[in-house]
Amino acid sequence: MALTPLHDRVLVRRTEGDEKTAGGLIIPDSAKEKPAEGEIVSCGEGARKDSGELIPMAVKAGDKVLFGKWSGTEVSVDGEDLLMMKESDILGLLS
């Protein structure tokens, strides 16, 4: 099953969090926070103005992004957990 976001929504795959602290301590799964960064899997075509004119997306598939801790809705696509969110929930691009 393929899932294509509509309008100004994006589908994001979270990146895995660090397994160890800077001091070398291993972080158990129960204590890990969900990472607030990921890679865009797919994008919608963009939002529309009241006049019907298309506002193009500022991001594209493959971009690495930073988003809010509570942003998006978790969806499962082909057994993989992804996030669906609006483009406005993205805080910035990571390079």
Protein backbone atom coordinates (compact mmCIF):
# COMPACT_ATOMS: atom_id res chain seq x y z
CA MET A 1 0.00 0.00 0.00
CA ALA A 2 1.37 3.43 -0.92
CA LEU A 3 0.30 6.52 0.99
CA THR A 4 0.50 9.94 -0.65
CA PRO A 5 -0.12 12.96 1.59
CA LEU A 6 -2.64 15.54 0.40
CA HIS A 7 -2.31 19.33 0.24
CA ASP A 8 0.42 20.66 2.58
CA ARG A 9 1.04 17.44 4.52
CA VAL A 10 4.24 15.39 4.64
CA LEU A 11 5.02 11.80 5.61
CA VAL A 12 8.10 11.56 7.89
CA ARG A 13 10.22 8.62 9.04
CA ARG A 14 11.76 9.29 12.46
CA THR A 15 15.51 8.81 12.77
CA GLU A 16 16.72 6.48 15.50
CA GLY A 17 17.78 8.11 18.76
CA ASP A 18 21.17 7.70 20.40
CA GLU A 19 21.81 4.44 22.22
CA LYS A 20 24.41 5.99 24.55
CA THR A 21 24.90 9.26 26.41
CA ALA A 22 27.95 11.45 25.79
CA GLY A 23 29.52 9.83 28.87
CA GLY A 24 29.06 6.31 27.45
CA LEU A 25 26.05 5.17 29.50
CA ILE A 26 23.62 2.95 27.59
CA ILE A 27 20.07 4.32 27.52
CA PRO A 28 17.36 1.63 27.96
CA ASP A 29 14.40 1.67 25.54
CA SER A 30 12.02 2.61 28.36
CA ALA A 31 13.96 5.82 29.10
CA LYS A 32 14.45 6.98 25.50
CA GLU A 33 12.52 9.92 24.16
CA LYS A 34 11.15 9.75 20.66
CA PRO A 35 13.47 11.72 18.38
CA ALA A 36 12.17 15.02 17.00
CA GLU A 37 14.00 14.68 13.72
CA GLY A 38 13.45 12.56 10.66
CA GLU A 39 13.51 12.18 6.91
CA ILE A 40 10.64 13.14 4.63
CA VAL A 41 9.30 10.10 2.79
CA SER A 42 6.74 11.90 0.61
CA CYS A 43 4.98 15.26 0.28
CA GLY A 44 1.64 16.57 -0.91
CA GLU A 45 1.41 19.05 -3.75
CA GLY A 46 1.08 22.09 -1.46
CA ALA A 47 -1.60 24.33 0.00
CA ARG A 48 -3.90 26.52 -2.06
CA LYS A 49 -4.67 30.22 -1.69
CA ASP A 50 -8.28 31.41 -1.62
CA SER A 51 -7.88 32.23 -5.30
CA GLY A 52 -7.03 28.57 -6.00
CA GLU A 53 -3.38 29.28 -6.77
CA LEU A 54 -1.01 26.54 -5.57
CA ILE A 55 1.54 27.39 -2.86
CA PRO A 56 4.47 25.01 -3.52
CA MET A 57 6.03 23.00 -0.69
CA ALA A 58 9.31 24.27 0.81
CA VAL A 59 10.45 20.68 1.51
CA LYS A 60 10.81 17.57 -0.64
CA ALA A 61 11.23 13.82 -0.18
CA GLY A 62 14.67 12.99 1.21
CA ASP A 63 15.04 16.21 3.26
CA LYS A 64 16.13 15.78 6.87
CA VAL A 65 13.91 17.87 9.15
CA LEU A 66 13.43 18.91 12.76
CA PHE A 67 9.87 18.98 14.10
CA GLY A 68 8.04 19.60 17.37
CA LYS A 69 8.00 16.89 20.01
CA TRP A 70 4.23 16.42 19.81
CA SER A 71 3.82 17.11 16.07
CA GLY A 72 2.04 14.85 13.66
CA THR A 73 -0.14 11.78 13.76
CA GLU A 74 1.40 8.31 13.87
CA VAL A 75 0.38 6.08 10.96
CA SER A 76 1.46 2.57 10.03
CA VAL A 77 2.28 1.95 6.36
CA ASP A 78 3.35 -1.56 5.33
CA GLY A 79 4.27 -2.34 8.95
CA GLU A 80 6.45 0.76 9.32
CA ASP A 81 5.52 3.50 11.81
CA LEU A 82 5.60 6.95 10.21
CA LEU A 83 4.36 10.43 11.07
CA MET A 84 1.88 12.46 9.00
CA MET A 85 2.09 16.19 9.69
CA LYS A 86 1.45 19.57 8.13
CA GLU A 87 4.38 21.37 6.58
CA SER A 88 3.92 24.15 9.15
CA ASP A 89 4.78 21.65 11.96
CA ILE A 90 8.32 21.39 10.58
CA LEU A 91 10.68 23.68 12.49
CA GLY A 92 13.62 23.53 10.09
CA LEU A 93 15.82 21.62 7.66
CA LEU A 94 18.92 19.77 8.86
CA SER A 95 22.00 19.77 6.64
